[in-house]
PDB file of N, CA and C in Angstrom:
ATOM      1  N   MET A   1      -8.248-144.894 115.292  1.00  0.00           N
ATOM      2  CA  MET A   1      -9.490-145.297 115.932  1.00  0.00           C
ATOM      3  C   MET A   1     -10.418-145.882 114.873  1.00  0.00           C
ATOM      4  N   ASN A   2     -11.066-146.994 115.220  1.00  0.00           N
ATOM      5  CA  ASN A   2     -12.069-147.601 114.365  1.00  0.00           C
ATOM      6  C   ASN A   2     -13.442-147.091 114.763  1.00  0.00           C
ATOM      7  N   ALA A   3     -14.298-146.920 113.765  1.00  0.00           N
ATOM      8  CA  ALA A   3     -15.659-146.474 114.022  1.00  0.00           C
ATOM      9  C   ALA A   3     -16.626-147.287 113.176  1.00  0.00           C
ATOM     10  N   LEU A   4     -17.788-147.503 113.719  1.00  0.00           N
ATOM     11  CA  LEU A   4     -18.862-148.219 113.041  1.00  0.00           C
ATOM     12  C   LEU A   4     -20.054-147.290 112.930  1.00  0.00           C
ATOM     13  N   ILE A   5     -20.535-147.106 111.714  1.00  0.00           N
ATOM     14  CA  ILE A   5     -21.720-146.281 111.499  1.00  0.00           C
ATOM     15  C   ILE A   5     -22.869-147.192 111.101  1.00  0.00           C
ATOM     16  N   LEU A   6     -23.886-147.235 111.942  1.00  0.00           N
ATOM     17  CA  LEU A   6     -25.110-147.961 111.625  1.00  0.00           C
ATOM     18  C   LEU A   6     -25.967-147.016 110.784  1.00  0.00           C
ATOM     19  N   PHE A   7     -26.282-147.423 109.566  1.00  0.00           N
ATOM     20  CA  PHE A   7     -26.939-146.540 108.610  1.00  0.00           C
ATOM     21  C   PHE A   7     -28.368-147.012 108.358  1.00  0.00           C
ATOM     22  N   ALA A   8     -29.330-146.198 108.789  1.00  0.00           N
ATOM     23  CA  ALA A   8     -30.748-146.525 108.645  1.00  0.00           C
ATOM     24  C   ALA A   8     -31.444-145.477 107.777  1.00  0.00           C
ATOM     25  N   HIS A   9     -32.659-145.794 107.363  1.00  0.00           N
ATOM     26  CA  HIS A   9     -33.390-144.918 106.447  1.00  0.00           C
ATOM     27  C   HIS A   9     -33.790-143.598 107.077  1.00  0.00           C
ATOM     28  N   GLY A  10     -34.455-143.646 108.211  1.00  0.00           N
ATOM     29  CA  GLY A  10     -34.978-142.436 108.848  1.00  0.00           C
ATOM     30  C   GLY A  10     -36.484-142.357 108.676  1.00  0.00           C
ATOM     31  N   SER A  11     -37.123-141.553 109.525  1.00  0.00           N
ATOM     32  CA  SER A  11     -38.577-141.413 109.508  1.00  0.00           C
ATOM     33  C   SER A  11     -38.961-140.091 110.157  1.00  0.00           C
ATOM     34  N   ARG A  12     -40.147-139.615 109.831  1.00  0.00           N
ATOM     35  CA  ARG A  12     -40.653-138.409 110.503  1.00  0.00           C
ATOM     36  C   ARG A  12     -41.098-138.721 111.934  1.00  0.00           C
ATOM     37  N   ASP A  13     -41.338-139.991 112.226  1.00  0.00           N
ATOM     38  CA  ASP A  13     -41.764-140.409 113.558  1.00  0.00           C
ATOM     39  C   ASP A  13     -40.523-140.711 114.403  1.00  0.00           C
ATOM     40  N   PRO A  14     -40.234-139.910 115.431  1.00  0.00           N
ATOM     41  CA  PRO A  14     -39.026-140.126 116.218  1.00  0.00           C
ATOM     42  C   PRO A  14     -38.977-141.492 116.917  1.00  0.00           C
ATOM     43  N   GLU A  15     -40.131-142.074 117.217  1.00  0.00           N
ATOM     44  CA  GLU A  15     -40.165-143.385 117.867  1.00  0.00           C
ATOM     45  C   GLU A  15     -39.669-144.492 116.935  1.00  0.00           C
ATOM     46  N   TRP A  16     -39.712-144.266 115.631  1.00  0.00           N
ATOM     47  CA  TRP A  16     -39.262-145.251 114.653  1.00  0.00           C
ATOM     48  C   TRP A  16     -37.821-145.673 114.903  1.00  0.00           C
ATOM     49  N   ALA A  17     -36.999-144.762 115.377  1.00  0.00           N
ATOM     50  CA  ALA A  17     -35.572-145.033 115.549  1.00  0.00           C
ATOM     51  C   ALA A  17     -35.243-145.840 116.803  1.00  0.00           C
ATOM     52  N   ALA A  18     -36.207-146.085 117.673  1.00  0.00           N
ATOM     53  CA  ALA A  18     -35.927-146.775 118.941  1.00  0.00           C
ATOM     54  C   ALA A  18     -35.230-148.121 118.758  1.00  0.00           C
ATOM     55  N   PRO A  19     -35.675-149.000 117.863  1.00  0.00           N
ATOM     56  CA  PRO A  19     -34.961-150.278 117.720  1.00  0.00           C
ATOM     57  C   PRO A  19     -33.518-150.101 117.245  1.00  0.00           C
ATOM     58  N   PHE A  20     -33.286-149.117 116.407  1.00  0.00           N
ATOM     59  CA  PHE A  20     -31.946-148.871 115.899  1.00  0.00           C
ATOM     60  C   PHE A  20     -31.039-148.311 116.990  1.00  0.00           C
ATOM     61  N   ARG A  21     -31.598-147.475 117.856  1.00  0.00           N
ATOM     62  CA  ARG A  21     -30.820-146.957 118.991  1.00  0.00           C
ATOM     63  C   ARG A  21     -30.485-148.094 119.968  1.00  0.00           C
ATOM     64  N   ALA A  22     -31.398-149.056 120.119  1.00  0.00           N
ATOM     65  CA  ALA A  22     -31.127-150.217 120.970  1.00  0.00           C
ATOM     66  C   ALA A  22     -29.986-151.047 120.379  1.00  0.00           C
ATOM     67  N   ILE A  23     -29.990-151.226 119.068  1.00  0.00           N
ATOM     68  CA  ILE A  23     -28.898-151.943 118.406  1.00  0.00           C
ATOM     69  C   ILE A  23     -27.594-151.187 118.626  1.00  0.00           C
ATOM     70  N   GLN A  24     -27.623-149.868 118.468  1.00  0.00           N
ATOM     71  CA  GLN A  24     -26.425-149.054 118.661  1.00  0.00           C
ATOM     72  C   GLN A  24     -25.866-149.242 120.076  1.00  0.00           C
ATOM     73  N   ARG A  25     -26.726-149.162 121.084  1.00  0.00           N
ATOM     74  CA  ARG A  25     -26.274-149.335 122.471  1.00  0.00           C
ATOM     75  C   ARG A  25     -25.664-150.719 122.685  1.00  0.00           C
ATOM     76  N   ASP A  26     -26.311-151.745 122.149  1.00  0.00           N
ATOM     77  CA  ASP A  26     -25.838-153.113 122.318  1.00  0.00           C
ATOM     78  C   ASP A  26     -24.479-153.312 121.657  1.00  0.00           C
ATOM     79  N   VAL A  27     -24.335-152.839 120.435  1.00  0.00           N
ATOM     80  CA  VAL A  27     -23.065-152.993 119.717  1.00  0.00           C
ATOM     81  C   VAL A  27     -21.961-152.205 120.416  1.00  0.00           C
ATOM     82  N   ALA A  28     -22.258-150.991 120.856  1.00  0.00           N
ATOM     83  CA  ALA A  28     -21.250-150.171 121.551  1.00  0.00           C
ATOM     84  C   ALA A  28     -20.806-150.840 122.853  1.00  0.00           C
ATOM     85  N   GLN A  29     -21.756-151.422 123.573  1.00  0.00           N
ATOM     86  CA  GLN A  29     -21.422-152.096 124.829  1.00  0.00           C
ATOM     87  C   GLN A  29     -20.517-153.302 124.582  1.00  0.00           C
ATOM     88  N   LYS A  30     -20.753-154.010 123.486  1.00  0.00           N
ATOM     89  CA  LYS A  30     -19.968-155.209 123.177  1.00  0.00           C
ATOM     90  C   LYS A  30     -18.637-154.892 122.509  1.00  0.00           C
ATOM     91  N   ASN A  31     -18.447-153.651 122.066  1.00  0.00           N
ATOM     92  CA  ASN A  31     -17.218-153.223 121.385  1.00  0.00           C
ATOM     93  C   ASN A  31     -16.728-151.908 121.978  1.00  0.00           C
ATOM     94  N   PRO A  32     -16.231-151.933 123.218  1.00  0.00           N
ATOM     95  CA  PRO A  32     -15.876-150.679 123.890  1.00  0.00           C
ATOM     96  C   PRO A  32     -14.774-149.874 123.210  1.00  0.00           C
ATOM     97  N   GLY A  33     -13.953-150.488 122.373  1.00  0.00           N
ATOM     98  CA  GLY A  33     -12.889-149.750 121.702  1.00  0.00           C
ATOM     99  C   GLY A  33     -13.287-149.161 120.364  1.00  0.00           C
ATOM    100  N   VAL A  34     -14.564-149.296 120.001  1.00  0.00           N
ATOM    101  CA  VAL A  34     -15.039-148.813 118.706  1.00  0.00           C
ATOM    102  C   VAL A  34     -16.113-147.750 118.931  1.00  0.00           C
ATOM    103  N   ALA A  35     -15.985-146.635 118.234  1.00  0.00           N
ATOM    104  CA  ALA A  35     -17.034-145.611 118.282  1.00  0.00           C
ATOM    105  C   ALA A  35     -18.189-146.104 117.418  1.00  0.00           C
ATOM    106  N   VAL A  36     -19.386-146.192 117.982  1.00  0.00           N
ATOM    107  CA  VAL A  36     -20.554-146.686 117.254  1.00  0.00           C
ATOM    108  C   VAL A  36     -21.569-145.553 117.152  1.00  0.00           C
ATOM    109  N   GLU A  37     -21.864-145.169 115.920  1.00  0.00           N
ATOM    110  CA  GLU A  37     -22.804-144.075 115.671  1.00  0.00           C
ATOM    111  C   GLU A  37     -23.979-144.577 114.849  1.00  0.00           C
ATOM    112  N   LEU A  38     -25.097-143.913 114.986  1.00  0.00           N
ATOM    113  CA  LEU A  38     -26.281-144.185 114.189  1.00  0.00           C
ATOM    114  C   LEU A  38     -26.489-142.984 113.282  1.00  0.00           C
ATOM    115  N   ALA A  39     -26.637-143.235 111.987  1.00  0.00           N
ATOM    116  CA  ALA A  39     -26.838-142.160 111.015  1.00  0.00           C
ATOM    117  C   ALA A  39     -28.009-142.530 110.113  1.00  0.00           C
ATOM    118  N   PHE A  40     -28.564-141.510 109.456  1.00  0.00           N
ATOM    119  CA  PHE A  40     -29.782-141.708 108.678  1.00  0.00           C
ATOM    120  C   PHE A  40     -29.646-141.169 107.262  1.00  0.00           C
ATOM    121  N   LEU A  41     -30.382-141.798 106.369  1.00  0.00           N
ATOM    122  CA  LEU A  41     -30.421-141.365 104.974  1.00  0.00           C
ATOM    123  C   LEU A  41     -31.204-140.068 104.832  1.00  0.00           C
ATOM    124  N   GLU A  42     -32.348-139.998 105.484  1.00  0.00           N
ATOM    125  CA  GLU A  42     -33.192-138.808 105.343  1.00  0.00           C
ATOM    126  C   GLU A  42     -34.057-138.590 106.578  1.00  0.00           C
ATOM    127  N   THR A  43     -34.551-137.408 106.699  1.00  0.00           N
ATOM    128  CA  THR A  43     -35.514-136.976 107.700  1.00  0.00           C
ATOM    129  C   THR A  43     -34.933-136.843 109.109  1.00  0.00           C
ATOM    130  N   MET A  44     -34.085-137.760 109.544  1.00  0.00           N
ATOM    131  CA  MET A  44     -33.536-137.724 110.895  1.00  0.00           C
ATOM    132  C   MET A  44     -32.064-137.325 110.848  1.00  0.00           C
ATOM    133  N   GLU A  45     -31.556-136.916 111.980  1.00  0.00           N
ATOM    134  CA  GLU A  45     -30.152-136.514 112.112  1.00  0.00           C
ATOM    135  C   GLU A  45     -29.443-137.439 113.078  1.00  0.00           C
ATOM    136  N   PRO A  46     -28.155-137.636 112.883  1.00  0.00           N
ATOM    137  CA  PRO A  46     -27.306-137.025 111.871  1.00  0.00           C
ATOM    138  C   PRO A  46     -27.381-137.792 110.549  1.00  0.00           C
ATOM    139  N   SER A  47     -27.014-137.104 109.495  1.00  0.00           N
ATOM    140  CA  SER A  47     -26.870-137.767 108.205  1.00  0.00           C
ATOM    141  C   SER A  47     -25.594-138.592 108.246  1.00  0.00           C
ATOM    142  N   LEU A  48     -25.449-139.511 107.319  1.00  0.00           N
ATOM    143  CA  LEU A  48     -24.228-140.305 107.270  1.00  0.00           C
ATOM    144  C   LEU A  48     -23.002-139.418 107.049  1.00  0.00           C
ATOM    145  N   PRO A  49     -23.027-138.477 106.094  1.00  0.00           N
ATOM    146  CA  PRO A  49     -21.837-137.622 105.934  1.00  0.00           C
ATOM    147  C   PRO A  49     -21.496-136.836 107.203  1.00  0.00           C
ATOM    148  N   ALA A  50     -22.503-136.326 107.895  1.00  0.00           N
ATOM    149  CA  ALA A  50     -22.241-135.559 109.120  1.00  0.00           C
ATOM    150  C   ALA A  50     -21.640-136.448 110.203  1.00  0.00           C
ATOM    151  N   ALA A  51     -22.190-137.648 110.372  1.00  0.00           N
ATOM    152  CA  ALA A  51     -21.657-138.570 111.376  1.00  0.00           C
ATOM    153  C   ALA A  51     -20.221-138.965 111.034  1.00  0.00           C
ATOM    154  N   ALA A  52     -19.964-139.255 109.765  1.00  0.00           N
ATOM    155  CA  ALA A  52     -18.612-139.651 109.342  1.00  0.00           C
ATOM    156  C   ALA A  52     -17.610-138.527 109.569  1.00  0.00           C
ATOM    157  N   GLU A  53     -17.961-137.320 109.181  1.00  0.00           N
ATOM    158  CA  GLU A  53     -17.045-136.186 109.350  1.00  0.00           C
ATOM    159  C   GLU A  53     -16.757-135.937 110.821  1.00  0.00           C
ATOM    160  N   ARG A  54     -17.761-136.085 111.682  1.00  0.00           N
ATOM    161  CA  ARG A  54     -17.543-135.898 113.117  1.00  0.00           C
ATOM    162  C   ARG A  54     -16.600-136.973 113.655  1.00  0.00           C
ATOM    163  N   LEU A  55     -16.818-138.226 113.252  1.00  0.00           N
ATOM    164  CA  LEU A  55     -15.947-139.307 113.702  1.00  0.00           C
ATOM    165  C   LEU A  55     -14.508-139.097 113.226  1.00  0.00           C
ATOM    166  N   ILE A  56     -14.342-138.648 111.994  1.00  0.00           N
ATOM    167  CA  ILE A  56     -13.007-138.372 111.460  1.00  0.00           C
ATOM    168  C   ILE A  56     -12.348-137.250 112.254  1.00  0.00           C
ATOM    169  N   ALA A  57     -13.109-136.201 112.567  1.00  0.00           N
ATOM    170  CA  ALA A  57     -12.574-135.087 113.357  1.00  0.00           C
ATOM    171  C   ALA A  57     -12.152-135.555 114.755  1.00  0.00           C
ATOM    172  N   GLU A  58     -12.820-136.602 115.258  1.00  0.00           N
ATOM    173  CA  GLU A  58     -12.494-137.140 116.579  1.00  0.00           C
ATOM    174  C   GLU A  58     -11.352-138.162 116.521  1.00  0.00           C
ATOM    175  N   GLY A  59     -10.823-138.426 115.305  1.00  0.00           N
ATOM    176  CA  GLY A  59      -9.668-139.302 115.191  1.00  0.00           C
ATOM    177  C   GLY A  59      -9.886-140.637 114.520  1.00  0.00           C
ATOM    178  N   ALA A  60     -11.065-140.883 114.002  1.00  0.00           N
ATOM    179  CA  ALA A  60     -11.311-142.155 113.319  1.00  0.00           C
ATOM    180  C   ALA A  60     -10.474-142.225 112.045  1.00  0.00           C
ATOM    181  N   THR A  61      -9.834-143.371 111.850  1.00  0.00           N
ATOM    182  CA  THR A  61      -9.049-143.597 110.638  1.00  0.00           C
ATOM    183  C   THR A  61      -9.646-144.708 109.786  1.00  0.00           C
ATOM    184  N   ARG A  62     -10.559-145.460 110.377  1.00  0.00           N
ATOM    185  CA  ARG A  62     -11.241-146.536 109.651  1.00  0.00           C
ATOM    186  C   ARG A  62     -12.717-146.484 109.987  1.00  0.00           C
ATOM    187  N   LEU A  63     -13.547-146.360 108.952  1.00  0.00           N
ATOM    188  CA  LEU A  63     -14.995-146.343 109.128  1.00  0.00           C
ATOM    189  C   LEU A  63     -15.581-147.593 108.495  1.00  0.00           C
ATOM    190  N   THR A  64     -16.449-148.267 109.229  1.00  0.00           N
ATOM    191  CA  THR A  64     -17.219-149.366 108.670  1.00  0.00           C
ATOM    192  C   THR A  64     -18.675-148.936 108.708  1.00  0.00           C
ATOM    193  N   VAL A  65     -19.337-149.032 107.562  1.00  0.00           N
ATOM    194  CA  VAL A  65     -20.743-148.659 107.458  1.00  0.00           C
ATOM    195  C   VAL A  65     -21.563-149.942 107.418  1.00  0.00           C
ATOM    196  N   ALA A  66     -22.527-150.046 108.317  1.00  0.00           N
ATOM    197  CA  ALA A  66     -23.422-151.199 108.384  1.00  0.00           C
ATOM    198  C   ALA A  66     -24.823-150.750 107.989  1.00  0.00           C
ATOM    199  N   PRO A  67     -25.244-151.040 106.753  1.00  0.00           N
ATOM    200  CA  PRO A  67     -26.585-150.636 106.310  1.00  0.00           C
ATOM    201  C   PRO A  67     -27.674-151.461 107.004  1.00  0.00           C
ATOM    202  N   LEU A  68     -28.517-150.798 107.757  1.00  0.00           N
ATOM    203  CA  LEU A  68     -29.621-151.469 108.437  1.00  0.00           C
ATOM    204  C   LEU A  68     -30.850-151.460 107.525  1.00  0.00           C
ATOM    205  N   PHE A  69     -30.662-152.020 106.354  1.00  0.00           N
ATOM    206  CA  PHE A  69     -31.693-152.146 105.324  1.00  0.00           C
ATOM    207  C   PHE A  69     -31.865-153.632 105.045  1.00  0.00           C
ATOM    208  N   MET A  70     -33.028-154.032 104.556  1.00  0.00           N
ATOM    209  CA  MET A  70     -33.263-155.447 104.288  1.00  0.00           C
ATOM    210  C   MET A  70     -32.573-155.938 103.018  1.00  0.00           C
ATOM    211  N   ALA A  71     -32.336-155.077 102.050  1.00  0.00           N
ATOM    212  CA  ALA A  71     -31.730-155.528 100.792  1.00  0.00           C
ATOM    213  C   ALA A  71     -31.035-154.364 100.100  1.00  0.00           C
ATOM    214  N   GLN A  72     -30.237-154.692  99.094  1.00  0.00           N
ATOM    215  CA  GLN A  72     -29.530-153.695  98.285  1.00  0.00           C
ATOM    216  C   GLN A  72     -30.497-153.089  97.273  1.00  0.00           C
ATOM    217  N   GLY A  73     -31.119-152.000  97.632  1.00  0.00           N
ATOM    218  CA  GLY A  73     -31.980-151.282  96.705  1.00  0.00           C
ATOM    219  C   GLY A  73     -31.286-150.009  96.260  1.00  0.00           C
ATOM    220  N   ALA A  74     -32.058-149.120  95.660  1.00  0.00           N
ATOM    221  CA  ALA A  74     -31.500-147.869  95.137  1.00  0.00           C
ATOM    222  C   ALA A  74     -30.842-147.024  96.222  1.00  0.00           C
ATOM    223  N   HIS A  75     -31.387-147.052  97.432  1.00  0.00           N
ATOM    224  CA  HIS A  75     -30.785-146.237  98.495  1.00  0.00           C
ATOM    225  C   HIS A  75     -29.343-146.656  98.770  1.00  0.00           C
ATOM    226  N   LEU A  76     -29.083-147.945  98.723  1.00  0.00           N
ATOM    227  CA  LEU A  76     -27.717-148.401  98.976  1.00  0.00           C
ATOM    228  C   LEU A  76     -26.875-148.361  97.717  1.00  0.00           C
ATOM    229  N   LYS A  77     -27.432-148.776  96.601  1.00  0.00           N
ATOM    230  CA  LYS A  77     -26.665-148.817  95.357  1.00  0.00           C
ATOM    231  C   LYS A  77     -26.306-147.426  94.849  1.00  0.00           C
ATOM    232  N   LYS A  78     -27.199-146.473  95.019  1.00  0.00           N
ATOM    233  CA  LYS A  78     -26.951-145.125  94.481  1.00  0.00           C
ATOM    234  C   LYS A  78     -26.669-144.108  95.570  1.00  0.00           C
ATOM    235  N   ASP A  79     -27.596-143.968  96.511  1.00  0.00           N
ATOM    236  CA  ASP A  79     -27.463-142.920  97.531  1.00  0.00           C
ATOM    237  C   ASP A  79     -26.244-143.141  98.425  1.00  0.00           C
ATOM    238  N   LEU A  80     -26.137-144.336  99.003  1.00  0.00           N
ATOM    239  CA  LEU A  80     -25.004-144.624  99.880  1.00  0.00           C
ATOM    240  C   LEU A  80     -23.698-144.586  99.093  1.00  0.00           C
ATOM    241  N   ALA A  81     -23.696-145.171  97.921  1.00  0.00           N
ATOM    242  CA  ALA A  81     -22.478-145.179  97.101  1.00  0.00           C
ATOM    243  C   ALA A  81     -22.014-143.751  96.809  1.00  0.00           C
ATOM    244  N   GLY A  82     -22.939-142.860  96.496  1.00  0.00           N
ATOM    245  CA  GLY A  82     -22.587-141.464  96.232  1.00  0.00           C
ATOM    246  C   GLY A  82     -22.039-140.768  97.459  1.00  0.00           C
ATOM    247  N   MET A  83     -22.658-141.002  98.613  1.00  0.00           N
ATOM    248  CA  MET A  83     -22.182-140.392  99.850  1.00  0.00           C
ATOM    249  C   MET A  83     -20.766-140.866 100.176  1.00  0.00           C
ATOM    250  N   LEU A  84     -20.532-142.165 100.006  1.00  0.00           N
ATOM    251  CA  LEU A  84     -19.211-142.710 100.333  1.00  0.00           C
ATOM    252  C   LEU A  84     -18.155-142.242  99.346  1.00  0.00           C
ATOM    253  N   SER A  85     -18.532-142.079  98.093  1.00  0.00           N
ATOM    254  CA  SER A  85     -17.587-141.566  97.100  1.00  0.00           C
ATOM    255  C   SER A  85     -17.143-140.154  97.473  1.00  0.00           C
ATOM    256  N   THR A  86     -18.080-139.318  97.839  1.00  0.00           N
ATOM    257  CA  THR A  86     -17.767-137.946  98.254  1.00  0.00           C
ATOM    258  C   THR A  86     -16.917-137.946  99.526  1.00  0.00           C
ATOM    259  N   LEU A  87     -17.267-138.806 100.475  1.00  0.00           N
ATOM    260  CA  LEU A  87     -16.519-138.903 101.724  1.00  0.00           C
ATOM    261  C   LEU A  87     -15.069-139.285 101.453  1.00  0.00           C
ATOM    262  N   LYS A  88     -14.844-140.263 100.579  1.00  0.00           N
ATOM    263  CA  LYS A  88     -13.488-140.711 100.254  1.00  0.00           C
ATOM    264  C   LYS A  88     -12.703-139.629  99.518  1.00  0.00           C
ATOM    265  N   GLU A  89     -13.383-138.857  98.662  1.00  0.00           N
ATOM    266  CA  GLU A  89     -12.703-137.758  97.966  1.00  0.00           C
ATOM    267  C   GLU A  89     -12.235-136.710  98.965  1.00  0.00           C
ATOM    268  N   ARG A  90     -13.060-136.408  99.955  1.00  0.00           N
ATOM    269  CA  ARG A  90     -12.719-135.389 100.958  1.00  0.00           C
ATOM    270  C   ARG A  90     -11.710-135.887 101.985  1.00  0.00           C
ATOM    271  N   ASN A  91     -11.668-137.208 102.179  1.00  0.00           N
ATOM    272  CA  ASN A  91     -10.812-137.800 103.216  1.00  0.00           C
ATOM    273  C   ASN A  91     -10.076-139.004 102.639  1.00  0.00           C
ATOM    274  N   PRO A  92      -9.137-138.779 101.725  1.00  0.00           N
ATOM    275  CA  PRO A  92      -8.499-139.905 101.029  1.00  0.00           C
ATOM    276  C   PRO A  92      -7.692-140.842 101.928  1.00  0.00           C
ATOM    277  N   ARG A  93      -7.314-140.412 103.093  1.00  0.00           N
ATOM    278  CA  ARG A  93      -6.512-141.263 103.989  1.00  0.00           C
ATOM    279  C   ARG A  93      -7.367-142.153 104.882  1.00  0.00           C
ATOM    280  N   ILE A  94      -8.659-141.958 104.852  1.00  0.00           N
ATOM    281  CA  ILE A  94      -9.561-142.735 105.693  1.00  0.00           C
ATOM    282  C   ILE A  94      -9.954-144.022 104.972  1.00  0.00           C
ATOM    283  N   GLU A  95      -9.846-145.123 105.679  1.00  0.00           N
ATOM    284  CA  GLU A  95     -10.283-146.418 105.133  1.00  0.00           C
ATOM    285  C   GLU A  95     -11.782-146.562 105.388  1.00  0.00           C
ATOM    286  N   VAL A  96     -12.527-146.914 104.345  1.00  0.00           N
ATOM    287  CA  VAL A  96     -13.978-147.074 104.465  1.00  0.00           C
ATOM    288  C   VAL A  96     -14.360-148.458 103.971  1.00  0.00           C
ATOM    289  N   ALA A  97     -15.108-149.174 104.795  1.00  0.00           N
ATOM    290  CA  ALA A  97     -15.624-150.492 104.422  1.00  0.00           C
ATOM    291  C   ALA A  97     -17.141-150.469 104.576  1.00  0.00           C
ATOM    292  N   VAL A  98     -17.819-151.239 103.745  1.00  0.00           N
ATOM    293  CA  VAL A  98     -19.280-151.312 103.810  1.00  0.00           C
ATOM    294  C   VAL A  98     -19.679-152.773 103.971  1.00  0.00           C
ATOM    295  N   LEU A  99     -20.467-153.033 104.984  1.00  0.00           N
ATOM    296  CA  LEU A  99     -20.995-154.379 105.198  1.00  0.00           C
ATOM    297  C   LEU A  99     -22.191-154.609 104.279  1.00  0.00           C
ATOM    298  N   PRO A 100     -22.578-155.862 104.061  1.00  0.00           N
ATOM    299  CA  PRO A 100     -23.793-156.115 103.279  1.00  0.00           C
ATOM    300  C   PRO A 100     -25.016-155.568 104.013  1.00  0.00           C
ATOM    301  N   ALA A 101     -26.099-155.393 103.281  1.00  0.00           N
ATOM    302  CA  ALA A 101     -27.354-154.989 103.909  1.00  0.00           C
ATOM    303  C   ALA A 101     -27.716-156.006 104.987  1.00  0.00           C
ATOM    304  N   LEU A 102     -28.265-155.531 106.071  1.00  0.00           N
ATOM    305  CA  LEU A 102     -28.611-156.374 107.208  1.00  0.00           C
ATOM    306  C   LEU A 102     -29.437-157.590 106.787  1.00  0.00           C
ATOM    307  N   GLY A 103     -30.402-157.381 105.904  1.00  0.00           N
ATOM    308  CA  GLY A 103     -31.282-158.454 105.475  1.00  0.00           C
ATOM    309  C   GLY A 103     -30.622-159.454 104.549  1.00  0.00           C
ATOM    310  N   GLU A 104     -29.387-159.210 104.158  1.00  0.00           N
ATOM    311  CA  GLU A 104     -28.671-160.147 103.301  1.00  0.00           C
ATOM    312  C   GLU A 104     -27.708-161.024 104.104  1.00  0.00           C
ATOM    313  N   ALA A 105     -27.685-160.848 105.404  1.00  0.00           N
ATOM    314  CA  ALA A 105     -26.818-161.655 106.269  1.00  0.00           C
ATOM    315  C   ALA A 105     -27.559-162.937 106.649  1.00  0.00           C
ATOM    316  N   GLY A 106     -26.933-164.067 106.365  1.00  0.00           N
ATOM    317  CA  GLY A 106     -27.558-165.361 106.627  1.00  0.00           C
ATOM    318  C   GLY A 106     -28.107-165.521 108.032  1.00  0.00           C
ATOM    319  N   PRO A 107     -27.333-165.197 109.082  1.00  0.00           N
ATOM    320  CA  PRO A 107     -27.859-165.359 110.441  1.00  0.00           C
ATOM    321  C   PRO A 107     -29.099-164.496 110.714  1.00  0.00           C
ATOM    322  N   VAL A 108     -29.155-163.321 110.102  1.00  0.00           N
ATOM    323  CA  VAL A 108     -30.320-162.448 110.292  1.00  0.00           C
ATOM    324  C   VAL A 108     -31.544-163.084 109.636  1.00  0.00           C
ATOM    325  N   LEU A 109     -31.383-163.555 108.407  1.00  0.00           N
ATOM    326  CA  LEU A 109     -32.498-164.192 107.712  1.00  0.00           C
ATOM    327  C   LEU A 109     -32.968-165.441 108.456  1.00  0.00           C
ATOM    328  N   GLN A 110     -32.022-166.200 108.986  1.00  0.00           N
ATOM    329  CA  GLN A 110     -32.378-167.399 109.741  1.00  0.00           C
ATOM    330  C   GLN A 110     -33.158-167.022 111.001  1.00  0.00           C
ATOM    331  N   ALA A 111     -32.701-165.995 111.708  1.00  0.00           N
ATOM    332  CA  ALA A 111     -33.391-165.567 112.925  1.00  0.00           C
ATOM    333  C   ALA A 111     -34.807-165.083 112.604  1.00  0.00           C
ATOM    334  N   ILE A 112     -34.965-164.355 111.517  1.00  0.00           N
ATOM    335  CA  ILE A 112     -36.302-163.888 111.122  1.00  0.00           C
ATOM    336  C   ILE A 112     -37.195-165.080 110.806  1.00  0.00           C
ATOM    337  N   GLY A 113     -36.665-166.026 110.033  1.00  0.00           N
ATOM    338  CA  GLY A 113     -37.447-167.211 109.685  1.00  0.00           C
ATOM    339  C   GLY A 113     -37.871-167.995 110.919  1.00  0.00           C
ATOM    340  N   GLU A 114     -36.958-168.156 111.877  1.00  0.00           N
ATOM    341  CA  GLU A 114     -37.284-168.877 113.095  1.00  0.00           C
ATOM    342  C   GLU A 114     -38.334-168.129 113.906  1.00  0.00           C
ATOM    343  N   TRP A 115     -38.208-166.828 113.982  1.00  0.00           N
ATOM    344  CA  TRP A 115     -39.170-166.027 114.716  1.00  0.00           C
ATOM    345  C   TRP A 115     -40.548-166.121 114.065  1.00  0.00           C
ATOM    346  N   LEU A 116     -40.608-166.006 112.750  1.00  0.00           N
ATOM    347  CA  LEU A 116     -41.878-166.095 112.030  1.00  0.00           C
ATOM    348  C   LEU A 116     -42.500-167.488 112.150  1.00  0.00           C
ATOM    349  N   ALA A 117     -41.678-168.526 112.091  1.00  0.00           N
ATOM    350  CA  ALA A 117     -42.191-169.885 112.211  1.00  0.00           C
ATOM    351  C   ALA A 117     -42.845-170.122 113.554  1.00  0.00           C
ATOM    352  N   GLY A 118     -42.412-169.408 114.562  1.00  0.00           N
ATOM    353  CA  GLY A 118     -42.995-169.554 115.893  1.00  0.00           C
ATOM    354  C   GLY A 118     -44.255-168.732 116.093  1.00  0.00           C
ATOM    355  N   HIS A 119     -44.677-167.996 115.085  1.00  0.00           N
ATOM    356  CA  HIS A 119     -45.851-167.122 115.174  1.00  0.00           C
ATOM    357  C   HIS A 119     -46.867-167.475 114.085  1.00  0.00           C
ATOM    358  N   ASP A 120     -47.311-168.712 114.097  1.00  0.00           N
ATOM    359  CA  ASP A 120     -48.279-169.116 113.077  1.00  0.00           C
ATOM    360  C   ASP A 120     -49.608-168.590 113.447  1.00  0.00           C
TER     361      ASP A 120
END
């Protein structure tokens, strides 16, 4: 089973996660054969390790992590890298892939630019 983990920062404000949950629903609807989970770096649950372990227990053999961050900062370079290293050590048979940060994807940057250009 393939699984996609949408990885966001987290916040003390529960309403903060609403756009990310909307993305999760949309991606899951468009990919019915893929388990799509939302996980957080801090403050909110589930954490990325908890979400990954649950997906593995449910039969996932390939995890793709999609960082919903604008750029590769310390959270992705250090925190995410450390979490994934530990995950791979505990589950050596699981394939793990990491997508670029959301804000580093050309179509995303183009869409933001177009949206901003329309709001002068």
